[in-house]
Amino acid sequence: MKITMVVVFYRQELENSKTVQTLKQTLLVNKDALTEIELIFYDNSPESQDISYSDYEGLNLSYVHDPRNLGLVPAYNHAWNVAKENGSKWLLLLDHDTELTDNYFKEVLHLPEFGEDVAAVVPKIYSENSMISPVYSYSLRPLKEDRPAAGLQKQPVMAINSGALISVPFLNELSGFNESFPLDYLDHWLFFEIYNHGRMVWVVDVFLEHELSVMDYSRVSLKRYQSILDSEMNFYKNYKKDIYSSYRVQLVKRLLKQVVTVKNKKIAMYTFKRLLSK
């Protein structure tokens, strides 16, 4: 079974990446499987990096440097096009800070023949001893709810991008990844579309560790916050419409908290501005 894998980097030395280090310890020791794998390193960093291709002997590896840093979508759509060209059934998405395991690759390399109703296969992702993905998508605070068990998910779930296998035929139906979510909420959009198209997700009973990116107002820039909030509002207003009114109530609560606790008041002002927008 042919699989295309893409690892997206930003300001991270490839050889210091947790993903690359554990990739070498797991997948690269399984020489028999390498002929079915095409690996893409997509680097959004300002400067390009040198790669020792001899370290990846037996694996079809390509390196793409894109200093524009336009987010995940250009990387994912590049990998989707490569996957179409080489006849891959699945596209595996990876960030540069996911810890891969032998058990994970045993599942990935020996997937059963799913029907067209399964559009994604995802592992259970943990961060600081808490399962953060997948989660049920009916709630604005999914980490406060029960988590899905392994197996076929008939009730809509959402999973983070990293570690997820996405059906290439399904991506063909979508015409690739949505450019209106270049970085934030791209995973929300993708898994929304899976269920919106009558497809489902399969959760494998393996665990991966991932460094969860948590928004810290003391460190996030105004520009970064604007990007997050714009994507968030786009998603709930134009896609997850059933909880849009609840989302706006939650946003008011966020604004009040920002006014009191966030030092950079421009962040609160931007939240207020977006609340007033239609």
C-alpha atoms as a PDB file:
ATOM      1  CA  MET A   1       0.000   0.000   0.000  1.00  0.00           C
ATOM      2  CA  LYS A   2       1.561   3.264  -1.141  1.00  0.00           C
ATOM      3  CA  ILE A   3       1.737   6.096   1.413  1.00  0.00           C
ATOM      4  CA  THR A   4       3.008   9.646   0.979  1.00  0.00           C
ATOM      5  CA  MET A   5       4.255  11.308   4.156  1.00  0.00           C
ATOM      6  CA  VAL A   6       4.897  15.000   4.688  1.00  0.00           C
ATOM      7  CA  VAL A   7       6.702  16.564   7.650  1.00  0.00           C
ATOM      8  CA  VAL A   8       6.347  20.345   7.941  1.00  0.00           C
ATOM      9  CA  PHE A   9       9.144  22.338   9.576  1.00  0.00           C
ATOM     10  CA  TYR A  10       9.443  25.917  10.736  1.00  0.00           C
ATOM     11  CA  ARG A  11      12.608  27.282  12.356  1.00  0.00           C
ATOM     12  CA  GLN A  12      13.589  23.766  13.367  1.00  0.00           C
ATOM     13  CA  GLU A  13      16.781  21.959  12.424  1.00  0.00           C
ATOM     14  CA  LEU A  14      15.751  18.745  10.728  1.00  0.00           C
ATOM     15  CA  GLU A  15      18.090  16.491  12.675  1.00  0.00           C
ATOM     16  CA  ASN A  16      16.945  18.013  15.992  1.00  0.00           C
ATOM     17  CA  SER A  17      13.293  17.417  15.167  1.00  0.00           C
ATOM     18  CA  LYS A  18      11.615  14.910  17.470  1.00  0.00           C
ATOM     19  CA  THR A  19       9.684  13.607  14.468  1.00  0.00           C
ATOM     20  CA  VAL A  20      12.815  12.997  12.389  1.00  0.00           C
ATOM     21  CA  GLN A  21      14.700  11.425  15.289  1.00  0.00           C
ATOM     22  CA  THR A  22      11.913   8.956  16.077  1.00  0.00           C
ATOM     23  CA  LEU A  23      11.276   8.374  12.366  1.00  0.00           C
ATOM     24  CA  LYS A  24      14.827   7.080  12.067  1.00  0.00           C
ATOM     25  CA  GLN A  25      14.369   4.847  15.103  1.00  0.00           C
ATOM     26  CA  THR A  26      11.131   3.308  13.835  1.00  0.00           C
ATOM     27  CA  LEU A  27      10.264   3.460  10.147  1.00  0.00           C
ATOM     28  CA  LEU A  28      13.798   3.503   8.753  1.00  0.00           C
ATOM     29  CA  VAL A  29      14.714   0.210  10.427  1.00  0.00           C
ATOM     30  CA  ASN A  30      11.842  -1.479   8.565  1.00  0.00           C
ATOM     31  CA  LYS A  31      13.646  -1.729   5.224  1.00  0.00           C
ATOM     32  CA  ASP A  32      11.002  -3.915   3.556  1.00  0.00           C
ATOM     33  CA  ALA A  33       8.354  -1.203   3.897  1.00  0.00           C
ATOM     34  CA  LEU A  34      10.391   1.701   2.535  1.00  0.00           C
ATOM     35  CA  THR A  35       9.641   1.033  -1.131  1.00  0.00           C
ATOM     36  CA  GLU A  36       5.986   1.862  -0.441  1.00  0.00           C
ATOM     37  CA  ILE A  37       6.781   5.176   1.286  1.00  0.00           C
ATOM     38  CA  GLU A  38       7.430   8.586  -0.242  1.00  0.00           C
ATOM     39  CA  LEU A  39       8.644  11.112   2.315  1.00  0.00           C
ATOM     40  CA  ILE A  40       8.580  14.891   1.890  1.00  0.00           C
ATOM     41  CA  PHE A  41      10.346  17.346   4.188  1.00  0.00           C
ATOM     42  CA  TYR A  42       8.616  20.700   3.645  1.00  0.00           C
ATOM     43  CA  ASP A  43      10.557  23.503   5.295  1.00  0.00           C
ATOM     44  CA  ASN A  44       8.915  26.887   5.898  1.00  0.00           C
ATOM     45  CA  SER A  45      12.037  28.260   7.608  1.00  0.00           C
ATOM     46  CA  PRO A  46      13.764  31.411   6.295  1.00  0.00           C
ATOM     47  CA  GLU A  47      16.944  29.513   5.394  1.00  0.00           C
ATOM     48  CA  SER A  48      17.235  26.184   3.611  1.00  0.00           C
ATOM     49  CA  GLN A  49      18.952  23.214   5.251  1.00  0.00           C
ATOM     50  CA  ASP A  50      21.368  20.566   4.056  1.00  0.00           C
ATOM     51  CA  ILE A  51      20.224  16.957   4.165  1.00  0.00           C
ATOM     52  CA  SER A  52      22.356  13.845   4.329  1.00  0.00           C
ATOM     53  CA  TYR A  53      20.329  11.703   1.965  1.00  0.00           C
ATOM     54  CA  SER A  54      22.507   8.702   2.794  1.00  0.00           C
ATOM     55  CA  ASP A  55      20.838   8.662   6.230  1.00  0.00           C
ATOM     56  CA  TYR A  56      17.574   7.802   4.477  1.00  0.00           C
ATOM     57  CA  GLU A  57      18.842   5.052   2.203  1.00  0.00           C
ATOM     58  CA  GLY A  58      16.037   3.037   0.632  1.00  0.00           C
ATOM     59  CA  LEU A  59      13.480   5.780   1.139  1.00  0.00           C
ATOM     60  CA  ASN A  60      12.225   8.088  -1.602  1.00  0.00           C
ATOM     61  CA  LEU A  61      12.884  11.439   0.089  1.00  0.00           C
ATOM     62  CA  SER A  62      12.481  14.971  -1.236  1.00  0.00           C
ATOM     63  CA  TYR A  63      13.181  18.299   0.455  1.00  0.00           C
ATOM     64  CA  VAL A  64      11.189  21.434  -0.356  1.00  0.00           C
ATOM     65  CA  HIS A  65      12.232  24.837   0.964  1.00  0.00           C
ATOM     66  CA  ASP A  66       9.480  27.456   1.001  1.00  0.00           C
ATOM     67  CA  PRO A  67      10.663  30.646   2.782  1.00  0.00           C
ATOM     68  CA  ARG A  68       7.302  32.336   2.190  1.00  0.00           C
ATOM     69  CA  ASN A  69       6.042  30.598   5.357  1.00  0.00           C
ATOM     70  CA  LEU A  70       2.427  30.527   4.198  1.00  0.00           C
ATOM     71  CA  GLY A  71       1.370  27.932   6.745  1.00  0.00           C
ATOM     72  CA  LEU A  72       0.396  24.300   6.357  1.00  0.00           C
ATOM     73  CA  VAL A  73      -1.803  24.416   3.281  1.00  0.00           C
ATOM     74  CA  PRO A  74       0.948  24.882   0.632  1.00  0.00           C
ATOM     75  CA  ALA A  75       2.884  22.002   2.199  1.00  0.00           C
ATOM     76  CA  TYR A  76      -0.147  19.738   2.421  1.00  0.00           C
ATOM     77  CA  ASN A  77      -1.351  20.545  -1.086  1.00  0.00           C
ATOM     78  CA  HIS A  78       2.131  19.919  -2.476  1.00  0.00           C
ATOM     79  CA  ALA A  79       2.150  16.531  -0.746  1.00  0.00           C
ATOM     80  CA  TRP A  80      -1.393  15.795  -1.972  1.00  0.00           C
ATOM     81  CA  ASN A  81      -0.287  16.437  -5.571  1.00  0.00           C
ATOM     82  CA  VAL A  82       2.738  14.176  -5.097  1.00  0.00           C
ATOM     83  CA  ALA A  83       0.461  11.498  -3.607  1.00  0.00           C
ATOM     84  CA  LYS A  84      -1.839  11.676  -6.630  1.00  0.00           C
ATOM     85  CA  GLU A  85       1.085  11.360  -9.015  1.00  0.00           C
ATOM     86  CA  ASN A  86       2.627   8.339  -7.289  1.00  0.00           C
ATOM     87  CA  GLY A  87      -0.659   6.522  -6.728  1.00  0.00           C
ATOM     88  CA  SER A  88      -0.737   6.744  -2.916  1.00  0.00           C
ATOM     89  CA  LYS A  89      -3.915   5.713  -1.170  1.00  0.00           C
ATOM     90  CA  TRP A  90      -3.083   7.681   1.985  1.00  0.00           C
ATOM     91  CA  LEU A  91      -1.405  10.969   2.851  1.00  0.00           C
ATOM     92  CA  LEU A  92       0.238  11.018   6.284  1.00  0.00           C
ATOM     93  CA  LEU A  93       0.521  14.459   7.916  1.00  0.00           C
ATOM     94  CA  LEU A  94       3.249  15.164  10.477  1.00  0.00           C
ATOM     95  CA  ASP A  95       4.478  18.176  12.421  1.00  0.00           C
ATOM     96  CA  HIS A  96       8.141  18.384  13.394  1.00  0.00           C
ATOM     97  CA  ASP A  97       7.490  17.726  17.101  1.00  0.00           C
ATOM     98  CA  THR A  98       5.559  14.430  17.204  1.00  0.00           C
ATOM     99  CA  GLU A  99       7.172  11.406  18.871  1.00  0.00           C
ATOM    100  CA  LEU A 100       6.648   8.407  16.568  1.00  0.00           C
ATOM    101  CA  THR A 101       6.677   4.791  17.790  1.00  0.00           C
ATOM    102  CA  ASP A 102       7.081   1.254  16.475  1.00  0.00           C
ATOM    103  CA  ASN A 103       3.467   0.437  17.359  1.00  0.00           C
ATOM    104  CA  TYR A 104       2.263   3.426  15.400  1.00  0.00           C
ATOM    105  CA  PHE A 105       4.066   2.379  12.239  1.00  0.00           C
ATOM    106  CA  LYS A 106       2.941  -1.230  12.658  1.00  0.00           C
ATOM    107  CA  GLU A 107      -0.621   0.098  12.422  1.00  0.00           C
ATOM    108  CA  VAL A 108       0.131   2.524   9.582  1.00  0.00           C
ATOM    109  CA  LEU A 109       1.916  -0.048   7.432  1.00  0.00           C
ATOM    110  CA  HIS A 110      -0.667  -2.785   7.976  1.00  0.00           C
ATOM    111  CA  LEU A 111      -3.993  -1.015   7.672  1.00  0.00           C
ATOM    112  CA  PRO A 112      -6.978  -3.152   6.706  1.00  0.00           C
ATOM    113  CA  GLU A 113      -8.733  -2.489   3.422  1.00  0.00           C
ATOM    114  CA  PHE A 114     -11.153   0.196   4.513  1.00  0.00           C
ATOM    115  CA  GLY A 115     -14.104   1.073   2.314  1.00  0.00           C
ATOM    116  CA  GLU A 116     -14.698   4.539   0.898  1.00  0.00           C
ATOM    117  CA  ASP A 117     -16.644   5.453   4.049  1.00  0.00           C
ATOM    118  CA  VAL A 118     -13.372   5.813   6.022  1.00  0.00           C
ATOM    119  CA  ALA A 119     -11.687   9.075   5.046  1.00  0.00           C
ATOM    120  CA  ALA A 120      -9.132   9.325   7.854  1.00  0.00           C
ATOM    121  CA  VAL A 121      -7.232   7.085  10.248  1.00  0.00           C
ATOM    122  CA  VAL A 122      -5.893   8.732  13.392  1.00  0.00           C
ATOM    123  CA  PRO A 123      -3.970   7.674  16.523  1.00  0.00           C
ATOM    124  CA  LYS A 124      -4.678   8.757  20.065  1.00  0.00           C
ATOM    125  CA  ILE A 125      -2.530  11.811  20.837  1.00  0.00           C
ATOM    126  CA  TYR A 126      -1.383  12.619  24.351  1.00  0.00           C
ATOM    127  CA  SER A 127       0.179  15.750  25.792  1.00  0.00           C
ATOM    128  CA  GLU A 128       1.247  15.938  29.420  1.00  0.00           C
ATOM    129  CA  ASN A 129      -0.633  12.718  30.279  1.00  0.00           C
ATOM    130  CA  SER A 130      -3.895  13.972  28.809  1.00  0.00           C
ATOM    131  CA  MET A 131      -5.515  12.709  25.602  1.00  0.00           C
ATOM    132  CA  ILE A 132      -5.954  15.747  23.371  1.00  0.00           C
ATOM    133  CA  SER A 133      -6.939  14.044  20.105  1.00  0.00           C
ATOM    134  CA  PRO A 134      -9.279  12.842  18.757  1.00  0.00           C
ATOM    135  CA  VAL A 135     -12.186  14.561  20.490  1.00  0.00           C
ATOM    136  CA  TYR A 136     -15.891  14.779  19.824  1.00  0.00           C
ATOM    137  CA  SER A 137     -16.689  17.883  17.810  1.00  0.00           C
ATOM    138  CA  TYR A 138     -20.111  18.796  19.205  1.00  0.00           C
ATOM    139  CA  SER A 139     -18.660  20.872  22.050  1.00  0.00           C
ATOM    140  CA  LEU A 140     -16.767  24.145  22.272  1.00  0.00           C
ATOM    141  CA  ARG A 141     -14.746  22.638  25.124  1.00  0.00           C
ATOM    142  CA  PRO A 142     -14.097  19.079  23.913  1.00  0.00           C
ATOM    143  CA  LEU A 143     -11.292  18.438  26.384  1.00  0.00           C
ATOM    144  CA  LYS A 144     -13.927  18.564  29.126  1.00  0.00           C
ATOM    145  CA  GLU A 145     -15.902  15.727  27.468  1.00  0.00           C
ATOM    146  CA  ASP A 146     -15.383  11.970  27.184  1.00  0.00           C
ATOM    147  CA  ARG A 147     -12.895  10.814  24.551  1.00  0.00           C
ATOM    148  CA  PRO A 148     -13.638   8.496  21.618  1.00  0.00           C
ATOM    149  CA  ALA A 149     -12.642   4.839  21.964  1.00  0.00           C
ATOM    150  CA  ALA A 150     -10.674   3.002  19.282  1.00  0.00           C
ATOM    151  CA  GLY A 151     -12.538   1.909  16.171  1.00  0.00           C
ATOM    152  CA  LEU A 152     -14.977   3.436  13.700  1.00  0.00           C
ATOM    153  CA  GLN A 153     -16.328   6.831  14.757  1.00  0.00           C
ATOM    154  CA  LYS A 154     -19.902   7.283  13.564  1.00  0.00           C
ATOM    155  CA  GLN A 155     -20.341  10.350  15.763  1.00  0.00           C
ATOM    156  CA  PRO A 156     -18.325  13.311  14.407  1.00  0.00           C
ATOM    157  CA  VAL A 157     -14.854  13.708  15.854  1.00  0.00           C
ATOM    158  CA  MET A 158     -11.988  16.100  15.258  1.00  0.00           C
ATOM    159  CA  ALA A 159      -8.293  15.190  15.393  1.00  0.00           C
ATOM    160  CA  ILE A 160      -5.099  17.190  15.126  1.00  0.00           C
ATOM    161  CA  ASN A 161      -3.269  17.056  11.816  1.00  0.00           C
ATOM    162  CA  SER A 162      -0.071  15.430  12.996  1.00  0.00           C
ATOM    163  CA  GLY A 163      -0.210  11.647  12.848  1.00  0.00           C
ATOM    164  CA  ALA A 164      -3.376  11.578  10.749  1.00  0.00           C
ATOM    165  CA  LEU A 165      -3.679   9.510   7.577  1.00  0.00           C
ATOM    166  CA  ILE A 166      -6.040  11.138   5.091  1.00  0.00           C
ATOM    167  CA  SER A 167      -7.573   9.303   2.146  1.00  0.00           C
ATOM    168  CA  VAL A 168      -6.159  10.653  -1.115  1.00  0.00           C
ATOM    169  CA  PRO A 169      -9.385   9.868  -3.064  1.00  0.00           C
ATOM    170  CA  PHE A 170     -11.303  11.865  -0.441  1.00  0.00           C
ATOM    171  CA  LEU A 171      -8.888  14.799  -0.778  1.00  0.00           C
ATOM    172  CA  ASN A 172      -9.472  14.622  -4.514  1.00  0.00           C
ATOM    173  CA  GLU A 173     -13.173  15.172  -3.841  1.00  0.00           C
ATOM    174  CA  LEU A 174     -12.318  18.253  -1.786  1.00  0.00           C
ATOM    175  CA  SER A 175      -9.817  19.489  -4.398  1.00  0.00           C
ATOM    176  CA  GLY A 176      -7.180  19.484  -1.691  1.00  0.00           C
ATOM    177  CA  PHE A 177      -6.847  21.546   1.460  1.00  0.00           C
ATOM    178  CA  ASN A 178      -8.799  24.750   2.025  1.00  0.00           C
ATOM    179  CA  GLU A 179      -6.650  27.855   1.512  1.00  0.00           C
ATOM    180  CA  SER A 180      -8.928  29.933   3.741  1.00  0.00           C
ATOM    181  CA  PHE A 181      -7.442  28.002   6.698  1.00  0.00           C
ATOM    182  CA  PRO A 182      -3.711  28.347   5.979  1.00  0.00           C
ATOM    183  CA  LEU A 183      -2.673  27.289   9.494  1.00  0.00           C
ATOM    184  CA  ASP A 184      -5.198  27.530  12.302  1.00  0.00           C
ATOM    185  CA  TYR A 185      -8.421  25.495  12.264  1.00  0.00           C
ATOM    186  CA  LEU A 186      -7.346  23.570   9.189  1.00  0.00           C
ATOM    187  CA  ASP A 187      -7.827  20.346  11.161  1.00  0.00           C
ATOM    188  CA  HIS A 188     -11.288  21.466  12.316  1.00  0.00           C
ATOM    189  CA  TRP A 189     -12.274  22.184   8.712  1.00  0.00           C
ATOM    190  CA  LEU A 190     -10.896  18.871   7.414  1.00  0.00           C
ATOM    191  CA  PHE A 191     -12.709  16.670   9.914  1.00  0.00           C
ATOM    192  CA  PHE A 192     -15.889  18.712   9.542  1.00  0.00           C
ATOM    193  CA  GLU A 193     -15.775  18.007   5.814  1.00  0.00           C
ATOM    194  CA  ILE A 194     -15.257  14.295   6.419  1.00  0.00           C
ATOM    195  CA  TYR A 195     -18.579  13.982   8.204  1.00  0.00           C
ATOM    196  CA  ASN A 196     -20.253  16.590   6.030  1.00  0.00           C
ATOM    197  CA  HIS A 197     -19.513  14.282   3.080  1.00  0.00           C
ATOM    198  CA  GLY A 198     -20.960  11.262   4.840  1.00  0.00           C
ATOM    199  CA  ARG A 199     -17.590   9.711   5.684  1.00  0.00           C
ATOM    200  CA  MET A 200     -16.137   8.597   9.000  1.00  0.00           C
ATOM    201  CA  VAL A 201     -12.882   8.351  10.960  1.00  0.00           C
ATOM    202  CA  TRP A 202     -11.123   5.243  12.241  1.00  0.00           C
ATOM    203  CA  VAL A 203      -9.193   5.584  15.521  1.00  0.00           C
ATOM    204  CA  VAL A 204      -6.311   3.138  15.966  1.00  0.00           C
ATOM    205  CA  ASP A 205      -5.510   1.983  19.483  1.00  0.00           C
ATOM    206  CA  VAL A 206      -1.991   3.411  19.609  1.00  0.00           C
ATOM    207  CA  PHE A 207      -0.664   6.415  21.462  1.00  0.00           C
ATOM    208  CA  LEU A 208       1.656   9.222  20.376  1.00  0.00           C
ATOM    209  CA  GLU A 209       3.126  12.083  22.358  1.00  0.00           C
ATOM    210  CA  HIS A 210       2.831  15.546  20.873  1.00  0.00           C
ATOM    211  CA  GLU A 211       3.782  18.995  22.131  1.00  0.00           C
ATOM    212  CA  LEU A 212       0.469  20.808  22.343  1.00  0.00           C
ATOM    213  CA  SER A 213       0.596  24.416  21.221  1.00  0.00           C
ATOM    214  CA  VAL A 214      -1.266  26.416  23.851  1.00  0.00           C
ATOM    215  CA  MET A 215      -2.008  30.078  23.313  1.00  0.00           C
ATOM    216  CA  ASP A 216      -0.098  32.095  25.913  1.00  0.00           C
ATOM    217  CA  TYR A 217      -1.225  35.714  25.770  1.00  0.00           C
ATOM    218  CA  SER A 218       2.021  36.845  27.360  1.00  0.00           C
ATOM    219  CA  ARG A 219       3.950  35.476  24.367  1.00  0.00           C
ATOM    220  CA  VAL A 220       1.552  35.498  21.426  1.00  0.00           C
ATOM    221  CA  SER A 221       1.839  38.513  19.137  1.00  0.00           C
ATOM    222  CA  LEU A 222      -1.160  40.564  18.085  1.00  0.00           C
ATOM    223  CA  LYS A 223      -0.683  39.406  14.486  1.00  0.00           C
ATOM    224  CA  ARG A 224      -0.656  35.766  15.563  1.00  0.00           C
ATOM    225  CA  TYR A 225      -3.761  36.213  17.682  1.00  0.00           C
ATOM    226  CA  GLN A 226      -5.545  37.923  14.808  1.00  0.00           C
ATOM    227  CA  SER A 227      -4.768  34.947  12.574  1.00  0.00           C
ATOM    228  CA  ILE A 228      -6.091  32.476  15.149  1.00  0.00           C
ATOM    229  CA  LEU A 229      -9.284  34.426  15.825  1.00  0.00           C
ATOM    230  CA  ASP A 230     -10.023  35.066  12.145  1.00  0.00           C
ATOM    231  CA  SER A 231      -9.735  31.363  11.334  1.00  0.00           C
ATOM    232  CA  GLU A 232     -11.771  30.409  14.379  1.00  0.00           C
ATOM    233  CA  MET A 233     -14.613  32.767  13.460  1.00  0.00           C
ATOM    234  CA  ASN A 234     -14.494  31.637   9.841  1.00  0.00           C
ATOM    235  CA  PHE A 235     -14.909  28.040  10.925  1.00  0.00           C
ATOM    236  CA  TYR A 236     -17.831  28.520  13.298  1.00  0.00           C
ATOM    237  CA  LYS A 237     -19.626  31.073  11.152  1.00  0.00           C
ATOM    238  CA  ASN A 238     -19.334  29.309   7.798  1.00  0.00           C
ATOM    239  CA  TYR A 239     -18.949  25.634   8.675  1.00  0.00           C
ATOM    240  CA  LYS A 240     -19.863  24.584  12.213  1.00  0.00           C
ATOM    241  CA  LYS A 241     -22.950  26.780  12.125  1.00  0.00           C
ATOM    242  CA  ASP A 242     -24.949  24.745  14.655  1.00  0.00           C
ATOM    243  CA  ILE A 243     -22.846  26.061  17.554  1.00  0.00           C
ATOM    244  CA  TYR A 244     -22.015  29.507  16.160  1.00  0.00           C
ATOM    245  CA  SER A 245     -24.333  31.295  18.613  1.00  0.00           C
ATOM    246  CA  SER A 246     -22.759  29.405  21.526  1.00  0.00           C
ATOM    247  CA  TYR A 247     -19.332  30.281  20.165  1.00  0.00           C
ATOM    248  CA  ARG A 248     -20.168  33.993  20.219  1.00  0.00           C
ATOM    249  CA  VAL A 249     -21.256  33.727  23.854  1.00  0.00           C
ATOM    250  CA  GLN A 250     -17.950  32.010  24.617  1.00  0.00           C
ATOM    251  CA  LEU A 251     -16.110  34.777  22.788  1.00  0.00           C
ATOM    252  CA  VAL A 252     -17.764  37.424  24.975  1.00  0.00           C
ATOM    253  CA  LYS A 253     -16.506  35.564  28.047  1.00  0.00           C
ATOM    254  CA  ARG A 254     -13.044  35.450  26.500  1.00  0.00           C
ATOM    255  CA  LEU A 255     -13.158  39.199  25.871  1.00  0.00           C
ATOM    256  CA  LEU A 256     -14.051  39.941  29.503  1.00  0.00           C
ATOM    257  CA  LYS A 257     -11.176  37.752  30.678  1.00  0.00           C
ATOM    258  CA  GLN A 258      -8.771  39.446  28.267  1.00  0.00           C
ATOM    259  CA  VAL A 259      -9.770  42.904  29.487  1.00  0.00           C
ATOM    260  CA  VAL A 260      -8.925  41.898  33.057  1.00  0.00           C
ATOM    261  CA  THR A 261      -5.899  39.635  32.628  1.00  0.00           C
ATOM    262  CA  VAL A 262      -4.153  40.270  29.303  1.00  0.00           C
ATOM    263  CA  LYS A 263      -1.520  42.984  29.365  1.00  0.00           C
ATOM    264  CA  ASN A 264      -1.640  43.694  25.626  1.00  0.00           C
ATOM    265  CA  LYS A 265      -5.029  45.406  25.391  1.00  0.00           C
ATOM    266  CA  LYS A 266      -4.840  45.400  21.592  1.00  0.00           C
ATOM    267  CA  ILE A 267      -5.719  41.707  21.814  1.00  0.00           C
ATOM    268  CA  ALA A 268      -8.923  42.466  23.705  1.00  0.00           C
ATOM    269  CA  MET A 269      -9.696  45.283  21.292  1.00  0.00           C
ATOM    270  CA  TYR A 270      -9.373  42.934  18.343  1.00  0.00           C
ATOM    271  CA  THR A 271     -11.718  40.419  19.990  1.00  0.00           C
ATOM    272  CA  PHE A 272     -14.221  43.252  20.557  1.00  0.00           C
ATOM    273  CA  LYS A 273     -13.886  44.364  16.935  1.00  0.00           C
ATOM    274  CA  ARG A 274     -14.526  40.865  15.611  1.00  0.00           C
ATOM    275  CA  LEU A 275     -17.522  40.458  17.910  1.00  0.00           C
ATOM    276  CA  LEU A 276     -19.059  43.527  16.308  1.00  0.00           C
ATOM    277  CA  SER A 277     -18.500  42.158  12.813  1.00  0.00           C
ATOM    278  CA  LYS A 278     -21.238  40.203  11.082  1.00  0.00           C
END
